[in-house]
Amino acid sequence: MSKMAVIFWSGTGNTEAMANAVAEGAKNAGAEVSLLPVSAVSAEEAAAYDVLALGCPAMGAEVLEESEFEPFFAALEGSLAGKPVALFGSYGWGDGQWMRDWEARTSAAGAVLKAQPLMVNETPDDDALSDCRALGAAAAV
């Protein structure tokens, strides 16, 4: 059984709802899952997990949240080579550039992306939450 961490930052609750559904999908697929707000885990602790699902909304000019999540991810990047990773997040404007940039950084760090990154506009509806559960299941395998 793989040990998976679903690590997220959420300002409005949208990305947190996505994280809960990702964790549910991974658990249903047989993974041992830790659901953690980014403030509760260090990059070193995150790197110890077999699989990572990382969630962060688009902020400002389509960037990762800058006070907690960006520093965490920057510290984690050097530990991603060969690590299975899934990315998800919500947005309220723009066209998803933050996710494309994040995906490129994650790939450049050598991570193995387990699925296409998942973006949800605003509050996740039932279909979006179903997609989140599918992302969690795909990452857990």
Protein backbone atom coordinates (compact mmCIF):
# COMPACT_ATOMS: atom_id res chain seq x y z
CA MET A 1 0.00 0.00 0.00
CA SER A 2 1.41 3.38 -0.97
CA LYS A 3 1.62 6.22 1.52
CA MET A 4 0.21 9.33 -0.07
CA ALA A 5 0.02 12.91 1.16
CA VAL A 6 -2.64 15.28 -0.13
CA ILE A 7 -1.16 18.69 0.68
CA PHE A 8 -3.09 21.86 -0.03
CA TRP A 9 -3.55 25.57 0.58
CA SER A 10 -7.04 27.04 0.41
CA GLY A 11 -8.25 30.57 0.99
CA THR A 12 -11.97 30.20 0.27
CA GLY A 13 -12.46 26.48 0.81
CA ASN A 14 -12.65 25.54 -2.87
CA THR A 15 -9.24 23.88 -3.03
CA GLU A 16 -9.84 22.28 0.38
CA ALA A 17 -13.04 20.68 -0.97
CA MET A 18 -11.02 19.41 -3.92
CA ALA A 19 -8.34 18.04 -1.55
CA ASN A 20 -10.95 16.16 0.46
CA ALA A 21 -12.29 14.53 -2.71
CA VAL A 22 -8.76 13.69 -3.95
CA ALA A 23 -8.03 12.04 -0.60
CA GLU A 24 -11.31 10.12 -0.75
CA GLY A 25 -10.51 8.80 -4.23
CA ALA A 26 -7.02 7.74 -3.16
CA LYS A 27 -8.33 5.97 -0.05
CA ASN A 28 -10.93 4.17 -2.13
CA ALA A 29 -8.11 3.02 -4.44
CA GLY A 30 -6.27 1.52 -1.47
CA ALA A 31 -3.72 4.19 -0.53
CA GLU A 32 -2.90 5.16 3.01
CA VAL A 33 -3.65 8.90 2.86
CA SER A 34 -2.65 11.88 4.98
CA LEU A 35 -4.68 15.03 4.26
CA LEU A 36 -2.60 18.05 5.26
CA PRO A 37 -2.87 21.81 4.96
CA VAL A 38 0.50 23.09 3.74
CA SER A 39 1.01 24.89 7.05
CA ALA A 40 1.11 21.50 8.83
CA VAL A 41 3.92 19.86 6.83
CA SER A 42 7.50 20.65 5.88
CA ALA A 43 9.02 19.93 2.50
CA GLU A 44 11.22 17.31 4.15
CA GLU A 45 8.22 15.55 5.68
CA ALA A 46 6.36 15.70 2.35
CA ALA A 47 9.31 14.17 0.50
CA ALA A 48 9.09 11.08 2.71
CA TYR A 49 5.71 10.08 1.23
CA ASP A 50 5.54 7.65 -1.70
CA VAL A 51 3.05 9.79 -3.63
CA LEU A 52 2.09 13.46 -3.43
CA ALA A 53 -1.10 15.19 -4.50
CA LEU A 54 -0.57 18.94 -4.28
CA GLY A 55 -3.37 21.48 -4.36
CA CYS A 56 -3.12 25.25 -4.65
CA PRO A 57 -5.44 27.84 -6.20
CA ALA A 58 -4.40 30.54 -8.64
CA MET A 59 -3.51 33.74 -6.85
CA GLY A 60 -2.89 37.28 -8.07
CA ALA A 61 -1.45 37.22 -11.57
CA GLU A 62 -1.94 33.45 -11.84
CA VAL A 63 0.74 32.28 -9.43
CA LEU A 64 0.86 29.83 -6.54
CA GLU A 65 -0.13 31.25 -3.15
CA GLU A 66 2.96 33.23 -2.18
CA SER A 67 3.26 33.24 1.62
CA GLU A 68 2.94 29.52 2.40
CA PHE A 69 2.57 27.33 -0.67
CA GLU A 70 5.23 28.83 -2.96
CA PRO A 71 8.00 28.62 -0.32
CA PHE A 72 6.92 25.05 0.50
CA PHE A 73 6.94 24.00 -3.16
CA ALA A 74 10.28 25.72 -3.83
CA ALA A 75 11.80 23.76 -0.92
CA LEU A 76 10.20 20.52 -2.18
CA GLU A 77 11.29 20.81 -5.83
CA GLY A 78 14.73 19.33 -5.19
CA SER A 79 13.13 16.16 -3.79
CA LEU A 80 10.69 15.46 -6.64
CA ALA A 81 12.92 13.44 -9.01
CA GLY A 82 11.13 10.17 -9.69
CA LYS A 83 8.31 11.01 -7.24
CA PRO A 84 4.72 10.32 -8.38
CA VAL A 85 2.81 13.62 -8.17
CA ALA A 86 -0.69 14.89 -8.99
CA LEU A 87 -1.57 18.61 -9.13
CA PHE A 88 -4.93 20.30 -8.60
CA GLY A 89 -6.40 23.67 -7.78
CA SER A 90 -9.18 26.16 -8.26
CA TYR A 91 -9.22 29.52 -9.99
CA GLY A 92 -11.59 32.41 -10.51
CA TRP A 93 -10.01 34.26 -13.43
CA GLY A 94 -7.45 33.77 -16.15
CA ASP A 95 -6.96 30.75 -18.34
CA GLY A 96 -4.96 28.39 -16.15
CA GLN A 97 -1.46 29.76 -16.72
CA TRP A 98 -0.60 29.15 -13.06
CA MET A 99 -1.28 25.45 -13.52
CA ARG A 100 0.70 25.22 -16.78
CA ASP A 101 3.65 26.93 -15.07
CA TRP A 102 3.35 24.68 -12.02
CA GLU A 103 3.13 21.56 -14.19
CA ALA A 104 6.27 22.65 -16.08
CA ARG A 105 8.17 23.27 -12.82
CA THR A 106 7.06 19.90 -11.45
CA SER A 107 8.12 18.08 -14.61
CA ALA A 108 11.43 19.96 -14.75
CA ALA A 109 12.11 18.79 -11.19
CA GLY A 110 11.82 15.20 -12.43
CA ALA A 111 8.47 14.29 -10.90
CA VAL A 112 6.30 11.66 -12.55
CA LEU A 113 2.91 13.27 -13.17
CA LYS A 114 0.26 10.63 -12.45
CA ALA A 115 -2.54 12.42 -14.33
CA GLN A 116 -3.33 15.64 -16.12
CA PRO A 117 -3.40 18.50 -13.61
CA LEU A 118 -6.95 19.31 -12.57
CA MET A 119 -8.28 22.86 -12.54
CA VAL A 120 -11.74 23.81 -11.31
CA ASN A 121 -13.33 27.21 -11.86
CA GLU A 122 -14.64 28.61 -8.55
CA THR A 123 -16.55 26.19 -6.29
CA PRO A 124 -16.29 22.54 -7.33
CA ASP A 125 -19.63 21.05 -8.34
CA ASP A 126 -20.51 17.33 -8.21
CA ASP A 127 -18.81 16.64 -11.56
CA ALA A 128 -15.65 18.44 -10.46
CA LEU A 129 -15.58 16.54 -7.17
CA SER A 130 -15.97 13.30 -9.11
CA ASP A 131 -12.98 14.38 -11.22
CA CYS A 132 -11.05 15.03 -8.00
CA ARG A 133 -11.82 11.53 -6.72
CA ALA A 134 -10.64 10.12 -10.06
CA LEU A 135 -7.42 12.14 -9.78
CA GLY A 136 -6.84 10.74 -6.30
CA ALA A 137 -7.44 7.19 -7.50
CA ALA A 138 -5.08 7.67 -10.47
CA ALA A 139 -2.37 9.07 -8.21
CA ALA A 140 -2.72 6.23 -5.73
CA VAL A 141 -2.03 3.51 -8.29
